C-alpha cells in the first residue's frame, strides 16, 4: 500500500555538496547519481523522520528515476497494526556516508 513520498528540497549534485561539503546530509536521499532530496527542512513530511530497521522494517522504498516525478515513494511491506512504527532499511550507502555503524531498532 502506498504511504507517501520522501519530501524536501530537490538538489543537484553540485547543490548537495555545496550544502554538505563532506557529503554527510543525515536527511538527504539520493534519487540518481546527480539528484538528491534533502528532507532536513521542516515541512518535508514523515519519510525523513522514519527510523531505520534492517530485519524488522515495515516499509520499503521505491525510487523513480525517470519521468517528470523523480522521487522516492514509500509502501508498506505488509498489513500494519494500528500504532505500529513505520521503519525502513536505510541501506549500507547511508551508513557509509554518515560514517556510523548501522543500528537495529
PDB file of N, CA and C in Angstrom:
ATOM      1  N   UNK A   1       0.838  -1.176   0.000  1.00  0.00           N
ATOM      2  CA  UNK A   1       0.000   0.000   0.000  1.00  0.00           C
ATOM      3  C   UNK A   1       0.884   1.241   0.000  1.00  0.00           C
ATOM      4  N   UNK A   2       0.594   2.180  -0.880  1.00  0.00           N
ATOM      5  CA  UNK A   2       1.344   3.433  -0.949  1.00  0.00           C
ATOM      6  C   UNK A   2       1.113   4.233   0.329  1.00  0.00           C
ATOM      7  N   UNK A   3       2.192   4.798   0.897  1.00  0.00           N
ATOM      8  CA  UNK A   3       2.100   5.640   2.085  1.00  0.00           C
ATOM      9  C   UNK A   3       2.293   7.116   1.760  1.00  0.00           C
ATOM     10  N   UNK A   4       3.475   7.471   1.274  1.00  0.00           N
ATOM     11  CA  UNK A   4       3.813   8.865   0.998  1.00  0.00           C
ATOM     12  C   UNK A   4       5.146   8.940   0.268  1.00  0.00           C
ATOM     13  N   UNK A   5       5.490  10.151  -0.176  1.00  0.00           N
ATOM     14  CA  UNK A   5       6.767  10.404  -0.830  1.00  0.00           C
ATOM     15  C   UNK A   5       7.761  10.964   0.177  1.00  0.00           C
ATOM     16  N   UNK A   6       9.031  10.847  -0.149  1.00  0.00           N
ATOM     17  CA  UNK A   6      10.088  11.480   0.621  1.00  0.00           C
ATOM     18  C   UNK A   6      10.100  12.943   0.200  1.00  0.00           C
ATOM     19  N   UNK A   7       9.773  13.840   1.105  1.00  0.00           N
ATOM     20  CA  UNK A   7       9.678  15.255   0.770  1.00  0.00           C
ATOM     21  C   UNK A   7      10.939  16.016   1.114  1.00  0.00           C
ATOM     22  N   UNK A   8      11.093  17.169   0.515  1.00  0.00           N
ATOM     23  CA  UNK A   8      12.225  18.031   0.814  1.00  0.00           C
ATOM     24  C   UNK A   8      12.702  18.781  -0.403  1.00  0.00           C
ATOM     25  N   UNK A   9      13.826  19.445  -0.237  1.00  0.00           N
ATOM     26  CA  UNK A   9      14.416  20.224  -1.323  1.00  0.00           C
ATOM     27  C   UNK A   9      15.075  19.295  -2.331  1.00  0.00           C
ATOM     28  N   UNK A  10      14.754  19.466  -3.613  1.00  0.00           N
ATOM     29  CA  UNK A  10      15.453  18.740  -4.674  1.00  0.00           C
ATOM     30  C   UNK A  10      16.763  19.464  -4.944  1.00  0.00           C
ATOM     31  N   UNK A  11      17.863  18.725  -4.914  1.00  0.00           N
ATOM     32  CA  UNK A  11      19.184  19.316  -5.088  1.00  0.00           C
ATOM     33  C   UNK A  11      19.950  18.609  -6.196  1.00  0.00           C
ATOM     34  N   UNK A  12      20.624  19.391  -7.018  1.00  0.00           N
ATOM     35  CA  UNK A  12      21.571  18.808  -7.964  1.00  0.00           C
ATOM     36  C   UNK A  12      22.767  18.305  -7.162  1.00  0.00           C
ATOM     37  N   UNK A  13      23.626  17.545  -7.800  1.00  0.00           N
ATOM     38  CA  UNK A  13      24.814  17.061  -7.103  1.00  0.00           C
ATOM     39  C   UNK A  13      25.667  18.226  -6.601  1.00  0.00           C
ATOM     40  N   UNK A  14      25.825  19.251  -7.442  1.00  0.00           N
ATOM     41  CA  UNK A  14      26.621  20.423  -7.040  1.00  0.00           C
ATOM     42  C   UNK A  14      25.994  21.121  -5.838  1.00  0.00           C
ATOM     43  N   UNK A  15      24.674  21.294  -5.844  1.00  0.00           N
ATOM     44  CA  UNK A  15      23.990  21.950  -4.725  1.00  0.00           C
ATOM     45  C   UNK A  15      24.077  21.110  -3.453  1.00  0.00           C
ATOM     46  N   UNK A  16      23.997  19.777  -3.598  1.00  0.00           N
ATOM     47  CA  UNK A  16      24.118  18.905  -2.436  1.00  0.00           C
ATOM     48  C   UNK A  16      25.481  19.079  -1.775  1.00  0.00           C
ATOM     49  N   UNK A  17      26.559  19.044  -2.565  1.00  0.00           N
ATOM     50  CA  UNK A  17      27.895  19.154  -1.987  1.00  0.00           C
ATOM     51  C   UNK A  17      28.222  20.578  -1.548  1.00  0.00           C
ATOM     52  N   UNK A  18      27.526  21.557  -2.096  1.00  0.00           N
ATOM     53  CA  UNK A  18      27.664  22.926  -1.583  1.00  0.00           C
ATOM     54  C   UNK A  18      27.054  23.014  -0.183  1.00  0.00           C
ATOM     55  N   UNK A  19      25.914  22.358  -0.007  1.00  0.00           N
ATOM     56  CA  UNK A  19      25.239  22.345   1.297  1.00  0.00           C
ATOM     57  C   UNK A  19      25.945  21.428   2.289  1.00  0.00           C
ATOM     58  N   UNK A  20      26.429  20.286   1.810  1.00  0.00           N
ATOM     59  CA  UNK A  20      27.086  19.281   2.659  1.00  0.00           C
ATOM     60  C   UNK A  20      28.455  18.939   2.059  1.00  0.00           C
ATOM     61  N   UNK A  21      29.471  19.762   2.293  1.00  0.00           N
ATOM     62  CA  UNK A  21      30.784  19.560   1.666  1.00  0.00           C
ATOM     63  C   UNK A  21      31.397  18.184   1.933  1.00  0.00           C
ATOM     64  N   UNK A  22      31.100  17.599   3.083  1.00  0.00           N
ATOM     65  CA  UNK A  22      31.640  16.273   3.394  1.00  0.00           C
ATOM     66  C   UNK A  22      30.708  15.146   2.921  1.00  0.00           C
ATOM     67  N   UNK A  23      29.586  15.507   2.287  1.00  0.00           N
ATOM     68  CA  UNK A  23      28.646  14.518   1.778  1.00  0.00           C
ATOM     69  C   UNK A  23      27.833  13.835   2.850  1.00  0.00           C
ATOM     70  N   UNK A  24      27.680  14.474   4.015  1.00  0.00           N
ATOM     71  CA  UNK A  24      27.008  13.831   5.147  1.00  0.00           C
ATOM     72  C   UNK A  24      25.693  14.515   5.512  1.00  0.00           C
ATOM     73  N   UNK A  25      24.785  14.577   4.592  1.00  0.00           N
ATOM     74  CA  UNK A  25      23.450  15.104   4.866  1.00  0.00           C
ATOM     75  C   UNK A  25      22.593  14.018   5.480  1.00  0.00           C
ATOM     76  N   UNK A  26      22.384  14.071   6.793  1.00  0.00           N
ATOM     77  CA  UNK A  26      21.699  12.989   7.510  1.00  0.00           C
ATOM     78  C   UNK A  26      20.283  12.729   6.999  1.00  0.00           C
ATOM     79  N   UNK A  27      19.610  13.740   6.465  1.00  0.00           N
ATOM     80  CA  UNK A  27      18.244  13.563   5.970  1.00  0.00           C
ATOM     81  C   UNK A  27      18.175  13.667   4.445  1.00  0.00           C
ATOM     82  N   UNK A  28      19.316  13.569   3.791  1.00  0.00           N
ATOM     83  CA  UNK A  28      19.351  13.631   2.329  1.00  0.00           C
ATOM     84  C   UNK A  28      19.309  12.224   1.751  1.00  0.00           C
ATOM     85  N   UNK A  29      18.593  12.080   0.668  1.00  0.00           N
ATOM     86  CA  UNK A  29      18.476  10.787  -0.015  1.00  0.00           C
ATOM     87  C   UNK A  29      18.804  10.992  -1.488  1.00  0.00           C
ATOM     88  N   UNK A  30      19.535  10.050  -2.058  1.00  0.00           N
ATOM     89  CA  UNK A  30      19.918  10.149  -3.463  1.00  0.00           C
ATOM     90  C   UNK A  30      18.855   9.494  -4.337  1.00  0.00           C
ATOM     91  N   UNK A  31      18.416  10.226  -5.344  1.00  0.00           N
ATOM     92  CA  UNK A  31      17.461   9.693  -6.317  1.00  0.00           C
ATOM     93  C   UNK A  31      18.221   9.095  -7.490  1.00  0.00           C
ATOM     94  N   UNK A  32      19.145   9.869  -8.050  1.00  0.00           N
ATOM     95  CA  UNK A  32      20.027   9.405  -9.120  1.00  0.00           C
ATOM     96  C   UNK A  32      21.448   9.799  -8.734  1.00  0.00           C
ATOM     97  N   UNK A  33      22.406   9.517  -9.583  1.00  0.00           N
ATOM     98  CA  UNK A  33      23.787   9.876  -9.260  1.00  0.00           C
ATOM     99  C   UNK A  33      24.001  11.383  -9.218  1.00  0.00           C
ATOM    100  N   UNK A  34      23.052  12.159  -9.740  1.00  0.00           N
ATOM    101  CA  UNK A  34      23.209  13.619  -9.762  1.00  0.00           C
ATOM    102  C   UNK A  34      22.010  14.373  -9.184  1.00  0.00           C
ATOM    103  N   UNK A  35      21.072  13.674  -8.515  1.00  0.00           N
ATOM    104  CA  UNK A  35      19.886  14.321  -7.960  1.00  0.00           C
ATOM    105  C   UNK A  35      19.583  13.776  -6.571  1.00  0.00           C
ATOM    106  N   UNK A  36      19.363  14.689  -5.628  1.00  0.00           N
ATOM    107  CA  UNK A  36      19.124  14.350  -4.231  1.00  0.00           C
ATOM    108  C   UNK A  36      17.869  15.037  -3.724  1.00  0.00           C
ATOM    109  N   UNK A  37      17.294  14.493  -2.648  1.00  0.00           N
ATOM    110  CA  UNK A  37      16.231  15.160  -1.894  1.00  0.00           C
ATOM    111  C   UNK A  37      16.782  15.381  -0.496  1.00  0.00           C
ATOM    112  N   UNK A  38      16.699  16.616  -0.001  1.00  0.00           N
ATOM    113  CA  UNK A  38      17.143  16.914   1.356  1.00  0.00           C
ATOM    114  C   UNK A  38      15.909  17.104   2.230  1.00  0.00           C
ATOM    115  N   UNK A  39      15.658  16.137   3.093  1.00  0.00           N
ATOM    116  CA  UNK A  39      14.486  16.161   3.959  1.00  0.00           C
ATOM    117  C   UNK A  39      14.725  16.800   5.315  1.00  0.00           C
ATOM    118  N   UNK A  40      15.797  17.596   5.460  1.00  0.00           N
ATOM    119  CA  UNK A  40      16.132  18.198   6.758  1.00  0.00           C
ATOM    120  C   UNK A  40      15.191  19.327   7.145  1.00  0.00           C
ATOM    121  N   UNK A  41      14.603  19.996   6.184  1.00  0.00           N
ATOM    122  CA  UNK A  41      13.766  21.164   6.471  1.00  0.00           C
ATOM    123  C   UNK A  41      12.427  20.769   7.077  1.00  0.00           C
ATOM    124  N   UNK A  42      11.885  21.660   7.893  1.00  0.00           N
ATOM    125  CA  UNK A  42      10.528  21.463   8.402  1.00  0.00           C
ATOM    126  C   UNK A  42       9.569  21.399   7.220  1.00  0.00           C
ATOM    127  N   UNK A  43       8.513  20.629   7.363  1.00  0.00           N
ATOM    128  CA  UNK A  43       7.522  20.516   6.307  1.00  0.00           C
ATOM    129  C   UNK A  43       7.873  19.494   5.247  1.00  0.00           C
ATOM    130  N   UNK A  44       8.903  18.677   5.489  1.00  0.00           N
ATOM    131  CA  UNK A  44       9.297  17.694   4.483  1.00  0.00           C
ATOM    132  C   UNK A  44       8.549  16.373   4.634  1.00  0.00           C
ATOM    133  N   UNK A  45       7.637  16.291   5.597  1.00  0.00           N
ATOM    134  CA  UNK A  45       6.806  15.103   5.747  1.00  0.00           C
ATOM    135  C   UNK A  45       7.381  14.074   6.702  1.00  0.00           C
ATOM    136  N   UNK A  46       6.731  12.917   6.730  1.00  0.00           N
ATOM    137  CA  UNK A  46       7.113  11.848   7.663  1.00  0.00           C
ATOM    138  C   UNK A  46       8.301  11.013   7.218  1.00  0.00           C
ATOM    139  N   UNK A  47       8.497  10.848   5.932  1.00  0.00           N
ATOM    140  CA  UNK A  47       9.517   9.919   5.445  1.00  0.00           C
ATOM    141  C   UNK A  47      10.913  10.175   6.020  1.00  0.00           C
ATOM    142  N   UNK A  48      11.406  11.421   6.036  1.00  0.00           N
ATOM    143  CA  UNK A  48      12.749  11.624   6.580  1.00  0.00           C
ATOM    144  C   UNK A  48      12.848  11.362   8.083  1.00  0.00           C
ATOM    145  N   UNK A  49      11.730  11.218   8.765  1.00  0.00           N
ATOM    146  CA  UNK A  49      11.731  11.025  10.213  1.00  0.00           C
ATOM    147  C   UNK A  49      11.556   9.554  10.623  1.00  0.00           C
ATOM    148  N   UNK A  50      11.376   8.672   9.633  1.00  0.00           N
ATOM    149  CA  UNK A  50      11.231   7.256   9.956  1.00  0.00           C
ATOM    150  C   UNK A  50      12.554   6.689  10.438  1.00  0.00           C
ATOM    151  N   UNK A  51      12.499   5.798  11.388  1.00  0.00           N
ATOM    152  CA  UNK A  51      13.697   5.148  11.917  1.00  0.00           C
ATOM    153  C   UNK A  51      14.147   4.004  11.021  1.00  0.00           C
ATOM    154  N   UNK A  52      15.390   3.619  11.213  1.00  0.00           N
ATOM    155  CA  UNK A  52      15.988   2.514  10.479  1.00  0.00           C
ATOM    156  C   UNK A  52      15.674   1.180  11.160  1.00  0.00           C
ATOM    157  N   UNK A  53      15.425   0.178  10.361  1.00  0.00           N
ATOM    158  CA  UNK A  53      15.325  -1.205  10.841  1.00  0.00           C
ATOM    159  C   UNK A  53      15.649  -2.101   9.652  1.00  0.00           C
ATOM    160  N   UNK A  54      16.660  -2.910   9.780  1.00  0.00           N
ATOM    161  CA  UNK A  54      17.044  -3.791   8.673  1.00  0.00           C
ATOM    162  C   UNK A  54      16.154  -5.029   8.643  1.00  0.00           C
ATOM    163  N   UNK A  55      16.117  -5.752   9.743  1.00  0.00           N
ATOM    164  CA  UNK A  55      15.388  -7.023   9.797  1.00  0.00           C
ATOM    165  C   UNK A  55      13.893  -6.854  10.007  1.00  0.00           C
ATOM    166  N   UNK A  56      13.494  -5.815  10.730  1.00  0.00           N
ATOM    167  CA  UNK A  56      12.077  -5.667  11.091  1.00  0.00           C
ATOM    168  C   UNK A  56      11.410  -4.481  10.385  1.00  0.00           C
ATOM    169  N   UNK A  57      11.920  -4.095   9.238  1.00  0.00           N
ATOM    170  CA  UNK A  57      11.341  -2.970   8.505  1.00  0.00           C
ATOM    171  C   UNK A  57       9.876  -3.232   8.166  1.00  0.00           C
ATOM    172  N   UNK A  58       9.069  -2.195   8.269  1.00  0.00           N
ATOM    173  CA  UNK A  58       7.647  -2.296   7.931  1.00  0.00           C
ATOM    174  C   UNK A  58       7.321  -1.592   6.614  1.00  0.00           C
ATOM    175  N   UNK A  59       8.305  -0.877   6.072  1.00  0.00           N
ATOM    176  CA  UNK A  59       8.109  -0.046   4.888  1.00  0.00           C
ATOM    177  C   UNK A  59       9.262  -0.288   3.913  1.00  0.00           C
ATOM    178  N   UNK A  60       8.963  -0.206   2.626  1.00  0.00           N
ATOM    179  CA  UNK A  60      10.019  -0.261   1.615  1.00  0.00           C
ATOM    180  C   UNK A  60       9.952   0.999   0.772  1.00  0.00           C
ATOM    181  N   UNK A  61      11.063   1.313   0.137  1.00  0.00           N
ATOM    182  CA  UNK A  61      11.097   2.488  -0.733  1.00  0.00           C
ATOM    183  C   UNK A  61      11.256   2.055  -2.180  1.00  0.00           C
ATOM    184  N   UNK A  62      10.680   2.826  -3.052  1.00  0.00           N
ATOM    185  CA  UNK A  62      10.827   2.648  -4.492  1.00  0.00           C
ATOM    186  C   UNK A  62      11.311   3.986  -5.042  1.00  0.00           C
ATOM    187  N   UNK A  63      12.401   3.938  -5.787  1.00  0.00           N
ATOM    188  CA  UNK A  63      12.961   5.160  -6.351  1.00  0.00           C
ATOM    189  C   UNK A  63      12.543   5.279  -7.802  1.00  0.00           C
ATOM    190  N   UNK A  64      11.961   6.428  -8.155  1.00  0.00           N
ATOM    191  CA  UNK A  64      11.528   6.698  -9.526  1.00  0.00           C
ATOM    192  C   UNK A  64      12.563   7.622 -10.154  1.00  0.00           C
ATOM    193  N   UNK A  65      13.334   7.110 -11.099  1.00  0.00           N
ATOM    194  CA  UNK A  65      14.421   7.890 -11.682  1.00  0.00           C
ATOM    195  C   UNK A  65      14.089   8.442 -13.064  1.00  0.00           C
ATOM    196  N   UNK A  66      12.967   8.048 -13.639  1.00  0.00           N
ATOM    197  CA  UNK A  66      12.574   8.516 -14.964  1.00  0.00           C
ATOM    198  C   UNK A  66      11.301   9.345 -14.883  1.00  0.00           C
ATOM    199  N   UNK A  67      11.118  10.193 -15.867  1.00  0.00           N
ATOM    200  CA  UNK A  67       9.890  10.963 -15.954  1.00  0.00           C
ATOM    201  C   UNK A  67       9.923  12.247 -15.144  1.00  0.00           C
ATOM    202  N   UNK A  68       8.804  12.923 -15.158  1.00  0.00           N
ATOM    203  CA  UNK A  68       8.707  14.240 -14.519  1.00  0.00           C
ATOM    204  C   UNK A  68       8.650  14.155 -12.993  1.00  0.00           C
ATOM    205  N   UNK A  69       8.220  13.025 -12.442  1.00  0.00           N
ATOM    206  CA  UNK A  69       8.052  12.897 -10.989  1.00  0.00           C
ATOM    207  C   UNK A  69       9.174  12.085 -10.346  1.00  0.00           C
ATOM    208  N   UNK A  70      10.414  12.436 -10.637  1.00  0.00           N
ATOM    209  CA  UNK A  70      11.527  11.746  -9.996  1.00  0.00           C
ATOM    210  C   UNK A  70      11.373  11.894  -8.492  1.00  0.00           C
ATOM    211  N   UNK A  71      11.592  10.815  -7.773  1.00  0.00           N
ATOM    212  CA  UNK A  71      11.451  10.890  -6.328  1.00  0.00           C
ATOM    213  C   UNK A  71      11.550   9.532  -5.676  1.00  0.00           C
ATOM    214  N   UNK A  72      11.277   9.518  -4.377  1.00  0.00           N
ATOM    215  CA  UNK A  72      11.302   8.298  -3.586  1.00  0.00           C
ATOM    216  C   UNK A  72       9.923   8.139  -2.968  1.00  0.00           C
ATOM    217  N   UNK A  73       9.343   6.964  -3.162  1.00  0.00           N
ATOM    218  CA  UNK A  73       7.986   6.677  -2.716  1.00  0.00           C
ATOM    219  C   UNK A  73       8.031   5.510  -1.729  1.00  0.00           C
ATOM    220  N   UNK A  74       7.208   5.567  -0.692  1.00  0.00           N
ATOM    221  CA  UNK A  74       7.211   4.536   0.344  1.00  0.00           C
ATOM    222  C   UNK A  74       5.909   3.745   0.353  1.00  0.00           C
ATOM    223  N   UNK A  75       6.061   2.428   0.594  1.00  0.00           N
ATOM    224  CA  UNK A  75       4.950   1.486   0.598  1.00  0.00           C
ATOM    225  C   UNK A  75       5.088   0.568   1.807  1.00  0.00           C
ATOM    226  N   UNK A  76       3.966   0.088   2.315  1.00  0.00           N
ATOM    227  CA  UNK A  76       4.020  -0.891   3.406  1.00  0.00           C
ATOM    228  C   UNK A  76       4.485  -2.234   2.849  1.00  0.00           C
ATOM    229  N   UNK A  77       5.162  -2.994   3.685  1.00  0.00           N
ATOM    230  CA  UNK A  77       5.603  -4.337   3.299  1.00  0.00           C
ATOM    231  C   UNK A  77       4.555  -5.395   3.629  1.00  0.00           C
ATOM    232  N   UNK A  78       3.635  -5.035   4.513  1.00  0.00           N
ATOM    233  CA  UNK A  78       2.606  -5.970   4.968  1.00  0.00           C
ATOM    234  C   UNK A  78       1.506  -5.154   5.632  1.00  0.00           C
ATOM    235  N   UNK A  79       0.439  -5.808   6.035  1.00  0.00           N
ATOM    236  CA  UNK A  79      -0.608  -5.121   6.785  1.00  0.00           C
ATOM    237  C   UNK A  79      -0.024  -4.686   8.130  1.00  0.00           C
ATOM    238  N   UNK A  80      -0.279  -3.446   8.504  1.00  0.00           N
ATOM    239  CA  UNK A  80       0.268  -2.903   9.742  1.00  0.00           C
ATOM    240  C   UNK A  80      -0.814  -2.793  10.804  1.00  0.00           C
ATOM    241  N   UNK A  81      -0.394  -2.951  12.034  1.00  0.00           N
ATOM    242  CA  UNK A  81      -1.300  -2.779  13.160  1.00  0.00           C
ATOM    243  C   UNK A  81      -1.418  -1.299  13.497  1.00  0.00           C
ATOM    244  N   UNK A  82      -2.550  -0.902  14.033  1.00  0.00           N
ATOM    245  CA  UNK A  82      -2.729   0.477  14.456  1.00  0.00           C
ATOM    246  C   UNK A  82      -1.647   0.845  15.465  1.00  0.00           C
ATOM    247  N   UNK A  83      -0.979   1.965  15.237  1.00  0.00           N
ATOM    248  CA  UNK A  83       0.059   2.431  16.139  1.00  0.00           C
ATOM    249  C   UNK A  83       1.433   1.828  15.907  1.00  0.00           C
ATOM    250  N   UNK A  84       1.551   0.907  14.947  1.00  0.00           N
ATOM    251  CA  UNK A  84       2.847   0.274  14.674  1.00  0.00           C
ATOM    252  C   UNK A  84       3.809   1.283  14.038  1.00  0.00           C
ATOM    253  N   UNK A  85       5.065   1.245  14.467  1.00  0.00           N
ATOM    254  CA  UNK A  85       6.055   2.185  13.962  1.00  0.00           C
ATOM    255  C   UNK A  85       6.398   1.892  12.510  1.00  0.00           C
ATOM    256  N   UNK A  86       6.542   2.950  11.732  1.00  0.00           N
ATOM    257  CA  UNK A  86       6.982   2.842  10.347  1.00  0.00           C
ATOM    258  C   UNK A  86       8.503   2.896  10.330  1.00  0.00           C
ATOM    259  N   UNK A  87       9.136   1.843   9.820  1.00  0.00           N
ATOM    260  CA  UNK A  87      10.593   1.771   9.747  1.00  0.00           C
ATOM    261  C   UNK A  87      11.008   1.245   8.382  1.00  0.00           C
ATOM    262  N   UNK A  88      12.212   1.601   7.968  1.00  0.00           N
ATOM    263  CA  UNK A  88      12.742   1.107   6.699  1.00  0.00           C
ATOM    264  C   UNK A  88      14.247   0.957   6.803  1.00  0.00           C
ATOM    265  N   UNK A  89      14.793   0.149   5.921  1.00  0.00           N
ATOM    266  CA  UNK A  89      16.229  -0.111   5.894  1.00  0.00           C
ATOM    267  C   UNK A  89      16.913   1.025   5.145  1.00  0.00           C
ATOM    268  N   UNK A  90      17.727   1.810   5.863  1.00  0.00           N
ATOM    269  CA  UNK A  90      18.422   2.940   5.233  1.00  0.00           C
ATOM    270  C   UNK A  90      19.428   2.480   4.187  1.00  0.00           C
ATOM    271  N   UNK A  91      19.926   1.271   4.321  1.00  0.00           N
ATOM    272  CA  UNK A  91      20.900   0.744   3.374  1.00  0.00           C
ATOM    273  C   UNK A  91      22.332   1.095   3.760  1.00  0.00           C
ATOM    274  N   UNK A  92      23.263   0.296   3.273  1.00  0.00           N
ATOM    275  CA  UNK A  92      24.667   0.464   3.652  1.00  0.00           C
ATOM    276  C   UNK A  92      25.265   1.769   3.135  1.00  0.00           C
ATOM    277  N   UNK A  93      24.791   2.279   1.997  1.00  0.00           N
ATOM    278  CA  UNK A  93      25.321   3.547   1.474  1.00  0.00           C
ATOM    279  C   UNK A  93      25.079   4.695   2.452  1.00  0.00           C
ATOM    280  N   UNK A  94      23.913   4.702   3.096  1.00  0.00           N
ATOM    281  CA  UNK A  94      23.602   5.756   4.069  1.00  0.00           C
ATOM    282  C   UNK A  94      24.598   5.721   5.226  1.00  0.00           C
ATOM    283  N   UNK A  95      24.788   4.536   5.796  1.00  0.00           N
ATOM    284  CA  UNK A  95      25.656   4.419   6.970  1.00  0.00           C
ATOM    285  C   UNK A  95      27.092   4.760   6.619  1.00  0.00           C
ATOM    286  N   UNK A  96      27.519   4.402   5.429  1.00  0.00           N
ATOM    287  CA  UNK A  96      28.868   4.748   4.990  1.00  0.00           C
ATOM    288  C   UNK A  96      28.998   6.266   4.834  1.00  0.00           C
ATOM    289  N   UNK A  97      27.984   6.906   4.261  1.00  0.00           N
ATOM    290  CA  UNK A  97      28.026   8.349   4.028  1.00  0.00           C
ATOM    291  C   UNK A  97      28.065   9.146   5.333  1.00  0.00           C
ATOM    292  N   UNK A  98      27.340   8.685   6.353  1.00  0.00           N
ATOM    293  CA  UNK A  98      27.328   9.421   7.626  1.00  0.00           C
ATOM    294  C   UNK A  98      28.437   8.962   8.568  1.00  0.00           C
ATOM    295  N   UNK A  99      29.191   7.930   8.166  1.00  0.00           N
ATOM    296  CA  UNK A  99      30.324   7.496   8.954  1.00  0.00           C
ATOM    297  C   UNK A  99      29.962   6.837  10.268  1.00  0.00           C
ATOM    298  N   UNK A 100      28.847   6.126  10.294  1.00  0.00           N
ATOM    299  CA  UNK A 100      28.390   5.441  11.503  1.00  0.00           C
ATOM    300  C   UNK A 100      28.119   3.977  11.202  1.00  0.00           C
ATOM    301  N   UNK A 101      28.093   3.168  12.253  1.00  0.00           N
ATOM    302  CA  UNK A 101      27.712   1.768  12.110  1.00  0.00           C
ATOM    303  C   UNK A 101      26.201   1.661  12.112  1.00  0.00           C
ATOM    304  N   UNK A 102      25.627   0.737  11.315  1.00  0.00           N
ATOM    305  CA  UNK A 102      24.173   0.552  11.318  1.00  0.00           C
ATOM    306  C   UNK A 102      23.655   0.158  12.689  1.00  0.00           C
ATOM    307  N   UNK A 103      22.453   0.609  12.988  1.00  0.00           N
ATOM    308  CA  UNK A 103      21.791   0.222  14.229  1.00  0.00           C
ATOM    309  C   UNK A 103      20.529  -0.539  13.881  1.00  0.00           C
ATOM    310  N   UNK A 104      20.056  -1.342  14.799  1.00  0.00           N
ATOM    311  CA  UNK A 104      18.790  -2.056  14.607  1.00  0.00           C
ATOM    312  C   UNK A 104      17.827  -1.554  15.666  1.00  0.00           C
ATOM    313  N   UNK A 105      16.651  -1.094  15.228  1.00  0.00           N
ATOM    314  CA  UNK A 105      15.639  -0.627  16.188  1.00  0.00           C
ATOM    315  C   UNK A 105      14.645  -1.717  16.449  1.00  0.00           C
TER     316      UNK A 105
END
